Every structure is written in structure tokens, then in C-alpha cells.
Amino acid sequence: MTTRTLTMPRLGETMEEGTIAAWLITPGTAFKRGQPLLEVETDKTVVEYPALGDGVLVETLVAPGDVVAVDAPIARIDATQWEDAGAPTPPAPEPAPDPAAAPAPQPTRATATQTSALRATPAARRLARQSGVALESVQGTGRRGRIEAQDIPSLGAAGGAGTVLLLHGFAGDGATWAALTAALTRAGHSVLAPDLPGHGTDTTTPQGVDDLLSAITRIAATAQGKLHLVGHSMGGHLAALYATANPDRTASLTLIAPAGLGREIETAFVHGMATATTAGEIAHLLRLLGPKAATLSPDALEAMAQTLSQGRLTALAQAIAGPHGQRIDTLGPLSRLPERIPLRVLIGRDDRIIPAAHLFNLPPRAAVHVLPTGHMPQWDAPADVAALITKALTHA
């Protein structure tokens, strides 16, 4: 296999840019020739971009909702026999009528054409249909006036669909939610999956949990409607803290392999990721997370090493894990969580970072789901996790 950069395809002669509607596979996932990798939206249609060879998705460089210029990088892949000549072809337009055989266009026809050309994400169009909202009556807040899901009026109303806020774990980033983000977006939900301070594209150096919680509070202030909080590991602790402090903004709380439910934790993983400088160190550590994490390519590992070697997470690691175990407590916030906020917890049976037995410390009202996964259920069993979270959103 050779590593190559996947670029935004040109889906029509006049296309200058496209919107990433959804990634259909996650980084580290192998794919076959012809398998859809992502959905791309233009002003006129949504097209699945198929793999032009066999390979592995190494890294996504753009997120759902991003507007990307034609030929700009969108992902890195390891692939064999990739055919650069091919590109997805959007549905062919209907042939123009023969002027001699057809009547002149009527004004109503022109109005319909203008409506269909409105710039709107697939999720916004789906929500508009479900809510009976005319897209031409909505003011878009996206780039160049594109209508986003959160612009549909029903989302901003009390009791509306709200926003799903995904909070990643220690040494992760927003891209770890790619599969779940795609599934929730296709289901019509508005989703935020930010990089927390010190992680991913955020180059700040957090000194502790309070720095991360402050960032989450700022992000939450930009979201429409109530929040459906989904947090993984350290992100689960942060989600519980935010929900307890902001119950009126919280519609539901879903914790995935949450930290802070007991004293035990694999401290070698936490401090190892904070101080790692080589791809080899990271490869050994990631094997503790589960089968999917162990399949990352050498290039992806090297990129992680370059980021982690900057030491941005050292102070945060000391704040959450000490020589005697976990230094953060999630049970306290959960005990103060209002009963009206639904609480679900997903735990991997084979978790090697945080013992699955911590589930017995949860309050009785928590709905617990034990999955046959490691510490990253959203990677090892993405369909199961998506189904459980979608159910939680439906019943919240």
C-alpha cells in the first residue's frame, strides 16, 4: 500500500466547492473498491464518493459540515491500485425542452427552480420536511448563507430536537466520533464534536479539568436548543459536570466508558500518552484501547507522536490520574443530577483502561448497557452505539 491524499472531487463543470455531508467510515477502517467513503453535498445534490481501490482510511482532514474547495485535501488513505481518473458523477439533469415543441416557462416554474437551488445541508433539508418548514423561509447561518440543521425553527424551540454535543476522551479528538457523527447527522440531528483544549487542532495547554469545562461551556453557549451530552472516558466526567451545573440546558446524558466511577485506572496509559514521543510507544499504548485502535497506520501513529511529543497534555494527565488511581470523581456529580434528566451509561466488557466493574458504583436510576468491546465502544461497535444513543435521543 502507498499513502496518498484524498481530495475533494469535482462533481460538475461549475462546481467550485462542496460540503462534507457525512463520513461513512472511521479512521483506521479498511475499505474495498466501490465502497462509499463519504457523502458530498453540492448546491444541487448529495453524492456518495466511492473508493477507487482497496485500502484503509488513515485520517480525515475535514469534518461533516465543512465546506471544501475542489481539489483541496479531505483525507489521507493507504491504498492499492487507486484510479485517479474516476470520480463520482451526480445525477444527470433532465434534458432541456425543445423550444419549438414546448410552451414558454411560466413564472411559477422559475420560482420552483430558485427554491431547489437553496444551499442547505442534508440534515437541514430532512428536518425541514419533517417539521413542515419551507426552506425559502429560513435564514441560513452557514457559509454563503447555507442553511444548517440548527437553523430549522423547530430545533430552537423548547422541547425540540436540540443539539448533540460529543465530548472525546483523554488524548483523543473530535475525529474519534466520525462514525457516530455521520449516523446522527443522517438521522437529522444537529451534532457538535469539538477538539477540547490541548487536543487535536486546539494547541492550548490545559492545566486541569476546569480549563476543559470552561471551553465546553463556551461551546455549549453557541448550540441551539437543549443539549444531549455524550461523553467518552474523561469526556464522560466533563459531561456529568456540565449537566449537573446546567440542568436547564441538558436534555439527556450518555456516558461511554466514563472516568471517575471508581479509583482504579490504567495510569500507564494516561501518563504514557501524555509523554509519548515515538510512534512505537503510541502503538503499544493504543493496543490497550481495543481492536480498532490497534489498526492505525504507521503514518497516523507518526502524526500522533508529533502532536503528543509537544507535551500539551502532561499537566492534564497529572490532574486526572495519580499514583493511587483516579483523581476525578464522577459519582458525586451524578448523585446531584436532577431525576428528570435521562442517564445512560455504556461500558465495554473488556475495557483495559477502566474496569467494567465500576458500573456497580452507578446510581440505581442509570440505564446501563454492557457491550462486547474494549475502552472505545464507539470504534469497536459503532452501529450498536449509534442505535443506543439514537434511542436515548428519541426518549429524552
Protein backbone atom coordinates (compact mmCIF):
# COMPACT_ATOMS: atom_id res chain seq x y z
CA MET A 1 0.00 0.00 0.00
CA THR A 2 1.01 3.60 -0.56
CA THR A 3 -0.15 6.61 1.42
CA ARG A 4 -1.95 9.24 -0.61
CA THR A 5 -4.10 12.31 -0.03
CA LEU A 6 -7.75 12.12 -1.00
CA THR A 7 -9.04 15.42 -2.42
CA MET A 8 -12.47 16.95 -2.93
CA PRO A 9 -13.71 15.72 -6.34
CA ARG A 10 -15.26 17.96 -8.98
CA LEU A 11 -18.82 16.71 -9.34
CA GLY A 12 -19.85 19.07 -12.12
CA GLU A 13 -18.37 21.56 -14.55
CA THR A 14 -19.43 24.57 -12.48
CA MET A 15 -18.63 23.11 -9.05
CA GLU A 16 -16.04 25.10 -7.11
CA GLU A 17 -16.66 23.68 -3.61
CA GLY A 18 -18.66 21.02 -1.80
CA THR A 19 -19.91 20.34 1.71
CA ILE A 20 -18.85 17.24 3.64
CA ALA A 21 -22.28 15.79 4.47
CA ALA A 22 -21.02 12.72 6.35
CA TRP A 23 -18.09 10.33 6.66
CA LEU A 24 -19.36 6.79 6.21
CA ILE A 25 -16.31 5.03 7.73
CA THR A 26 -13.99 5.92 10.60
CA PRO A 27 -10.19 6.40 10.61
CA GLY A 28 -8.44 3.06 10.83
CA THR A 29 -11.22 1.25 8.94
CA ALA A 30 -10.37 -0.86 5.88
CA PHE A 31 -12.46 -0.42 2.74
CA LYS A 32 -12.95 -2.18 -0.60
CA ARG A 33 -13.09 -0.74 -4.09
CA GLY A 34 -16.53 0.70 -4.74
CA GLN A 35 -17.43 1.09 -1.04
CA PRO A 36 -18.82 4.57 -0.24
CA LEU A 37 -16.38 6.57 1.89
CA LEU A 38 -18.30 9.79 2.42
CA GLU A 39 -21.25 11.87 1.25
CA VAL A 40 -20.57 15.17 -0.54
CA GLU A 41 -23.23 17.84 -0.97
CA THR A 42 -23.23 20.41 -3.76
CA ASP A 43 -25.79 23.10 -4.48
CA LYS A 44 -27.86 20.59 -6.43
CA THR A 45 -27.43 17.12 -4.98
CA VAL A 46 -25.83 14.79 -2.43
CA VAL A 47 -23.41 12.20 -3.85
CA GLU A 48 -21.66 9.23 -2.27
CA TYR A 49 -17.92 9.22 -3.01
CA PRO A 50 -16.83 5.60 -3.60
CA ALA A 51 -13.39 4.13 -3.02
CA LEU A 52 -11.42 3.84 -6.25
CA GLY A 53 -9.33 0.99 -4.84
CA ASP A 54 -8.82 -1.12 -1.72
CA GLY A 55 -7.25 0.47 1.33
CA VAL A 56 -7.51 1.94 4.82
CA LEU A 57 -8.73 5.39 5.90
CA VAL A 58 -5.78 6.84 7.83
CA GLU A 59 -7.08 10.26 8.81
CA THR A 60 -9.93 12.62 7.97
CA LEU A 61 -8.77 16.19 7.40
CA VAL A 62 -12.23 17.78 7.32
CA ALA A 63 -15.41 17.28 9.36
CA PRO A 64 -19.10 16.98 8.47
CA GLY A 65 -20.44 20.44 7.65
CA ASP A 66 -17.09 21.76 6.38
CA VAL A 67 -17.16 23.50 3.01
CA VAL A 68 -14.14 22.39 0.96
CA ALA A 69 -12.80 23.72 -2.33
CA VAL A 70 -12.43 21.35 -5.27
CA ASP A 71 -9.04 19.54 -5.21
CA ALA A 72 -8.41 20.52 -1.56
CA PRO A 73 -7.28 17.66 0.77
CA ILE A 74 -10.06 15.91 2.68
CA ALA A 75 -8.38 12.72 3.96
CA ARG A 76 -5.27 10.57 3.96
CA ILE A 77 -5.53 6.92 2.93
CA ASP A 78 -3.35 3.86 2.48
CA ALA A 79 -4.48 2.36 -0.82
CA THR A 80 -3.59 -0.02 -3.63
CA GLN A 81 -4.28 0.46 -7.35
CA TRP A 82 -6.17 3.70 -6.80
CA GLU A 83 -7.67 5.03 -10.04
CA ASP A 84 -7.35 8.80 -10.13
CA ALA A 85 -9.28 9.13 -13.34
CA GLY A 86 -12.63 8.24 -11.82
CA ALA A 87 -14.91 10.47 -9.76
CA PRO A 88 -18.49 10.24 -8.61
CA THR A 89 -20.97 11.52 -11.13
CA PRO A 90 -24.04 13.35 -9.87
CA PRO A 91 -27.45 12.54 -11.31
CA ALA A 92 -27.74 13.85 -14.86
CA PRO A 93 -30.03 16.87 -15.24
CA GLU A 94 -33.21 16.48 -17.20
CA PRO A 95 -32.75 17.41 -20.89
CA ALA A 96 -33.84 20.93 -21.76
CA PRO A 97 -37.19 21.05 -23.55
CA ASP A 98 -37.28 21.77 -27.28
CA PRO A 99 -38.30 25.45 -27.61
CA ALA A 100 -40.36 24.63 -30.71
CA ALA A 101 -42.31 21.85 -29.04
CA ALA A 102 -42.78 23.14 -25.50
CA PRO A 103 -44.56 26.21 -24.11
CA ALA A 104 -42.53 29.05 -22.64
CA PRO A 105 -41.59 28.61 -18.95
CA GLN A 106 -44.14 30.03 -16.54
CA PRO A 107 -43.22 32.27 -13.58
CA THR A 108 -44.13 29.51 -11.13
CA ARG A 109 -41.57 27.25 -12.78
CA ALA A 110 -38.86 29.84 -12.17
CA THR A 111 -39.82 30.09 -8.50
CA ALA A 112 -39.53 26.33 -8.06
CA THR A 113 -36.06 26.35 -9.60
CA GLN A 114 -34.90 29.05 -7.20
CA THR A 115 -36.18 27.06 -4.20
CA SER A 116 -34.39 23.86 -5.24
CA ALA A 117 -31.12 25.79 -5.53
CA LEU A 118 -31.16 26.90 -1.90
CA ARG A 119 -27.95 25.98 -0.11
CA ALA A 120 -28.85 23.62 2.76
CA THR A 121 -27.23 20.61 4.39
CA PRO A 122 -28.94 17.20 4.01
CA ALA A 123 -29.82 17.22 7.71
CA ALA A 124 -31.46 20.65 7.37
CA ARG A 125 -33.50 19.51 4.37
CA ARG A 126 -34.62 16.38 6.21
CA LEU A 127 -35.61 18.35 9.32
CA ALA A 128 -37.45 20.90 7.22
CA ARG A 129 -39.50 18.12 5.58
CA GLN A 130 -40.25 16.52 8.95
CA SER A 131 -41.24 19.85 10.51
CA GLY A 132 -43.19 21.21 7.56
CA VAL A 133 -40.84 24.19 7.30
CA ALA A 134 -40.33 25.87 3.90
CA LEU A 135 -36.59 26.23 3.31
CA GLU A 136 -37.04 29.54 1.49
CA SER A 137 -38.43 31.00 4.74
CA VAL A 138 -35.27 30.10 6.73
CA GLN A 139 -32.27 32.41 7.08
CA GLY A 140 -29.11 30.29 6.80
CA THR A 141 -26.22 30.93 9.17
CA GLY A 142 -23.66 28.77 7.37
CA ARG A 143 -21.04 29.86 4.88
CA ARG A 144 -22.50 31.84 1.97
CA GLY A 145 -25.92 31.62 3.60
CA ARG A 146 -26.07 27.81 3.71
CA ILE A 147 -28.95 26.57 5.88
CA GLU A 148 -27.70 24.37 8.73
CA ALA A 149 -29.74 21.89 10.79
CA GLN A 150 -29.77 24.26 13.75
CA ASP A 151 -31.38 26.96 11.58
CA ILE A 152 -34.62 24.99 11.25
CA PRO A 153 -37.06 26.68 13.70
CA SER A 154 -38.15 23.51 15.48
CA LEU A 155 -34.63 22.94 16.78
CA GLY A 156 -34.57 26.18 18.71
CA ALA A 157 -37.90 25.62 20.44
CA ALA A 158 -38.20 24.26 23.95
CA GLY A 159 -38.51 20.52 23.80
CA GLY A 160 -37.18 20.47 20.24
CA ALA A 161 -34.53 18.17 18.88
CA GLY A 162 -31.70 20.22 20.38
CA THR A 163 -28.01 19.60 19.77
CA VAL A 164 -25.90 16.51 20.41
CA LEU A 165 -22.58 17.53 22.00
CA LEU A 166 -19.91 14.80 21.76
CA LEU A 167 -17.01 15.08 24.22
CA HIS A 168 -13.96 12.93 23.48
CA GLY A 169 -11.62 11.27 25.97
CA PHE A 170 -8.05 11.98 27.07
CA ALA A 171 -5.58 12.19 24.15
CA GLY A 172 -8.45 11.87 21.65
CA ASP A 173 -10.11 14.50 19.47
CA GLY A 174 -13.37 15.23 17.71
CA ALA A 175 -12.48 12.88 14.84
CA THR A 176 -12.91 9.85 17.14
CA TRP A 177 -16.65 10.46 16.79
CA ALA A 178 -16.66 10.35 12.95
CA ALA A 179 -18.88 7.28 12.59
CA LEU A 180 -21.33 8.40 15.27
CA THR A 181 -21.43 11.94 13.89
CA ALA A 182 -22.28 10.58 10.44
CA ALA A 183 -25.02 8.32 11.80
CA LEU A 184 -26.63 11.05 13.91
CA THR A 185 -26.41 13.61 11.11
CA ARG A 186 -28.11 11.22 8.68
CA ALA A 187 -30.86 10.77 11.28
CA GLY A 188 -31.46 14.53 11.25
CA HIS A 189 -29.71 15.55 14.48
CA SER A 190 -27.55 18.63 14.91
CA VAL A 191 -24.12 17.49 16.17
CA LEU A 192 -21.08 19.22 17.66
CA ALA A 193 -17.84 17.24 18.13
CA PRO A 194 -15.17 19.77 19.17
CA ASP A 195 -11.49 19.28 19.90
CA LEU A 196 -11.08 20.04 23.60
CA PRO A 197 -8.17 22.21 24.85
CA GLY A 198 -4.80 20.57 24.23
CA HIS A 199 -6.29 18.00 21.85
CA GLY A 200 -6.40 17.76 18.08
CA THR A 201 -6.34 21.19 16.45
CA ASP A 202 -6.54 23.04 19.78
CA THR A 203 -2.95 23.98 20.61
CA THR A 204 -3.55 25.39 24.10
CA THR A 205 -2.10 23.70 27.19
CA PRO A 206 -4.80 22.88 29.76
CA GLN A 207 -3.71 22.78 33.39
CA GLY A 208 -6.68 20.78 34.61
CA VAL A 209 -10.30 19.78 34.20
CA ASP A 210 -11.56 23.33 34.83
CA ASP A 211 -9.89 24.56 31.63
CA LEU A 212 -11.73 21.92 29.62
CA LEU A 213 -15.04 22.61 31.35
CA SER A 214 -14.73 26.33 30.60
CA ALA A 215 -14.22 25.53 26.92
CA ILE A 216 -17.25 23.24 26.91
CA THR A 217 -19.36 25.98 28.48
CA ARG A 218 -18.33 28.39 25.71
CA ILE A 219 -19.10 25.79 23.02
CA ALA A 220 -22.45 24.94 24.58
CA ALA A 221 -23.45 28.60 24.53
CA THR A 222 -23.38 28.52 20.71
CA ALA A 223 -25.66 25.47 20.41
CA GLN A 224 -29.35 25.64 19.57
CA GLY A 225 -31.92 24.17 21.95
CA LYS A 226 -31.15 21.84 24.81
CA LEU A 227 -28.06 19.65 24.81
CA HIS A 228 -27.88 15.88 24.54
CA LEU A 229 -24.47 15.30 26.14
CA VAL A 230 -22.43 12.26 25.11
CA GLY A 231 -19.04 11.87 26.79
CA HIS A 232 -16.35 9.21 26.47
CA SER A 233 -13.94 8.42 29.34
CA MET A 234 -12.63 11.81 30.53
CA GLY A 235 -15.32 13.38 28.34
CA GLY A 236 -17.91 11.46 30.37
CA HIS A 237 -16.68 13.14 33.54
CA LEU A 238 -16.85 16.54 31.84
CA ALA A 239 -20.36 15.83 30.53
CA ALA A 240 -21.55 14.93 34.05
CA LEU A 241 -20.03 18.11 35.48
CA TYR A 242 -21.68 20.29 32.85
CA ALA A 243 -25.08 18.57 33.17
CA THR A 244 -25.10 18.96 36.94
CA ALA A 245 -24.17 22.64 36.75
CA ASN A 246 -26.54 23.37 33.84
CA PRO A 247 -29.59 21.14 34.26
CA ASP A 248 -31.92 23.52 32.41
CA ARG A 249 -29.75 23.25 29.27
CA THR A 250 -29.38 19.47 29.46
CA ALA A 251 -31.90 17.18 27.75
CA SER A 252 -30.07 13.87 28.29
CA LEU A 253 -26.74 12.46 29.45
CA THR A 254 -25.00 9.46 27.88
CA LEU A 255 -21.64 8.32 29.29
CA ILE A 256 -19.38 5.91 27.40
CA ALA A 257 -16.71 4.12 29.49
CA PRO A 258 -16.75 7.13 31.83
CA ALA A 259 -13.85 8.05 34.06
CA GLY A 260 -14.40 8.88 37.71
CA LEU A 261 -16.68 6.00 38.74
CA GLY A 262 -14.01 4.33 40.85
CA ARG A 263 -10.38 4.61 41.92
CA GLU A 264 -8.79 2.12 39.51
CA ILE A 265 -7.43 3.25 36.14
CA GLU A 266 -4.56 2.22 33.86
CA THR A 267 -2.30 5.11 34.81
CA ALA A 268 0.44 3.89 32.49
CA PHE A 269 -1.84 4.63 29.54
CA VAL A 270 -2.72 8.14 30.72
CA HIS A 271 0.81 9.25 31.51
CA GLY A 272 2.24 7.27 28.61
CA MET A 273 0.06 9.13 26.08
CA ALA A 274 0.94 12.45 27.71
CA THR A 275 4.69 11.88 27.39
CA ALA A 276 4.98 9.67 24.29
CA THR A 277 7.44 10.84 21.64
CA THR A 278 7.54 7.95 19.16
CA ALA A 279 5.05 6.04 17.03
CA GLY A 280 6.19 2.80 18.67
CA GLU A 281 5.25 3.97 22.16
CA ILE A 282 1.83 5.05 20.95
CA ALA A 283 1.23 1.78 19.09
CA HIS A 284 1.77 -0.21 22.30
CA LEU A 285 -0.49 2.09 24.29
CA LEU A 286 -3.30 2.08 21.72
CA ARG A 287 -3.46 -1.71 21.84
CA LEU A 288 -4.91 -1.28 25.31
CA LEU A 289 -7.94 0.50 23.85
CA GLY A 290 -9.31 -2.33 21.72
CA PRO A 291 -9.08 -3.93 18.26
CA LYS A 292 -9.83 -0.88 16.10
CA ALA A 293 -7.32 1.38 17.80
CA ALA A 294 -4.62 -1.21 17.14
CA THR A 295 -5.10 -0.96 13.35
CA LEU A 296 -3.96 2.63 12.85
CA SER A 297 -1.40 3.02 10.06
CA PRO A 298 2.25 3.96 10.67
CA ASP A 299 1.58 7.41 9.21
CA ALA A 300 -1.31 8.00 11.61
CA LEU A 301 0.84 6.87 14.53
CA GLU A 302 3.67 9.16 13.46
CA ALA A 303 1.27 12.11 13.22
CA MET A 304 0.02 11.37 16.75
CA ALA A 305 3.60 11.18 18.01
CA GLN A 306 4.42 14.59 16.57
CA THR A 307 1.41 16.12 18.31
CA LEU A 308 1.76 14.38 21.68
CA SER A 309 5.50 14.99 21.89
CA GLN A 310 4.74 18.70 22.34
CA GLY A 311 3.71 17.88 25.93
CA ARG A 312 0.42 19.77 25.94
CA LEU A 313 -1.31 17.04 27.97
CA THR A 314 1.26 16.49 30.73
CA ALA A 315 -0.39 18.74 33.33
CA LEU A 316 -3.85 17.39 32.48
CA ALA A 317 -2.63 13.81 32.93
CA GLN A 318 -1.36 14.67 36.42
CA ALA A 319 -4.74 16.23 37.22
CA ILE A 320 -6.81 13.17 36.32
CA ALA A 321 -4.59 10.23 37.32
CA GLY A 322 -2.12 9.96 40.19
CA PRO A 323 -0.02 7.17 41.72
CA HIS A 324 -3.03 5.86 43.66
CA GLY A 325 -5.51 5.97 40.77
CA GLN A 326 -8.13 8.39 39.53
CA ARG A 327 -8.12 11.92 40.87
CA ILE A 328 -11.51 12.86 39.44
CA ASP A 329 -14.92 11.91 40.82
CA THR A 330 -17.96 11.50 38.58
CA LEU A 331 -20.17 9.76 41.15
CA GLY A 332 -20.63 13.00 43.12
CA PRO A 333 -22.00 14.99 40.16
CA LEU A 334 -24.23 12.10 39.13
CA SER A 335 -25.74 11.97 42.62
CA ARG A 336 -26.80 15.61 42.16
CA LEU A 337 -28.14 15.17 38.63
CA PRO A 338 -31.87 16.01 38.52
CA GLU A 339 -34.11 12.97 38.10
CA ARG A 340 -35.74 14.50 35.03
CA ILE A 341 -32.52 14.18 33.01
CA PRO A 342 -32.25 10.68 31.49
CA LEU A 343 -28.93 8.95 32.29
CA ARG A 344 -27.47 6.14 30.18
CA VAL A 345 -24.06 4.51 30.60
CA LEU A 346 -22.29 2.33 28.01
CA ILE A 347 -19.39 0.22 29.23
CA GLY A 348 -17.14 -2.20 27.36
CA ARG A 349 -16.96 -5.65 28.89
CA ASP A 350 -13.26 -5.97 28.00
CA ASP A 351 -12.16 -2.45 28.94
CA ARG A 352 -8.44 -2.47 29.88
CA ILE A 353 -8.27 1.20 30.91
CA ILE A 354 -11.17 1.50 33.34
CA PRO A 355 -12.66 -1.65 34.95
CA ALA A 356 -16.15 -2.52 33.72
CA ALA A 357 -16.94 -3.42 37.34
CA HIS A 358 -17.22 0.31 38.04
CA LEU A 359 -20.77 0.05 36.69
CA PHE A 360 -21.80 -1.33 40.09
CA ASN A 361 -20.95 2.07 41.60
CA LEU A 362 -23.53 3.86 39.45
CA PRO A 363 -26.75 5.24 40.91
CA PRO A 364 -29.72 2.85 40.54
CA ARG A 365 -31.54 5.06 38.05
CA ALA A 366 -28.81 4.77 35.42
CA ALA A 367 -29.70 2.66 32.38
CA VAL A 368 -26.56 0.55 31.85
CA HIS A 369 -25.54 -1.21 28.63
CA VAL A 370 -22.58 -3.61 28.65
CA LEU A 371 -21.07 -4.09 25.19
CA PRO A 372 -18.57 -6.73 23.98
CA THR A 373 -15.89 -4.09 23.37
CA GLY A 374 -12.81 -2.50 24.86
CA HIS A 375 -12.43 1.07 26.05
CA MET A 376 -13.68 2.53 22.74
CA PRO A 377 -17.20 1.16 22.11
CA GLN A 378 -17.81 3.91 19.54
CA TRP A 379 -14.97 2.40 17.46
CA ASP A 380 -15.43 -1.31 18.18
CA ALA A 381 -19.24 -1.39 17.86
CA PRO A 382 -20.27 1.88 16.12
CA ALA A 383 -23.66 0.60 14.92
CA ASP A 384 -24.66 -0.55 18.42
CA VAL A 385 -23.55 2.71 20.00
CA ALA A 386 -25.38 4.76 17.37
CA ALA A 387 -28.56 2.76 17.90
CA LEU A 388 -28.43 3.19 21.68
CA ILE A 389 -27.77 6.91 21.50
CA THR A 390 -30.46 7.45 18.86
CA LYS A 391 -32.89 5.66 21.18
CA ALA A 392 -31.79 7.90 24.05
CA LEU A 393 -32.45 10.99 21.94
CA THR A 394 -35.88 9.72 20.95
CA HIS A 395 -36.99 9.11 24.53
CA ALA A 396 -35.36 12.14 26.14
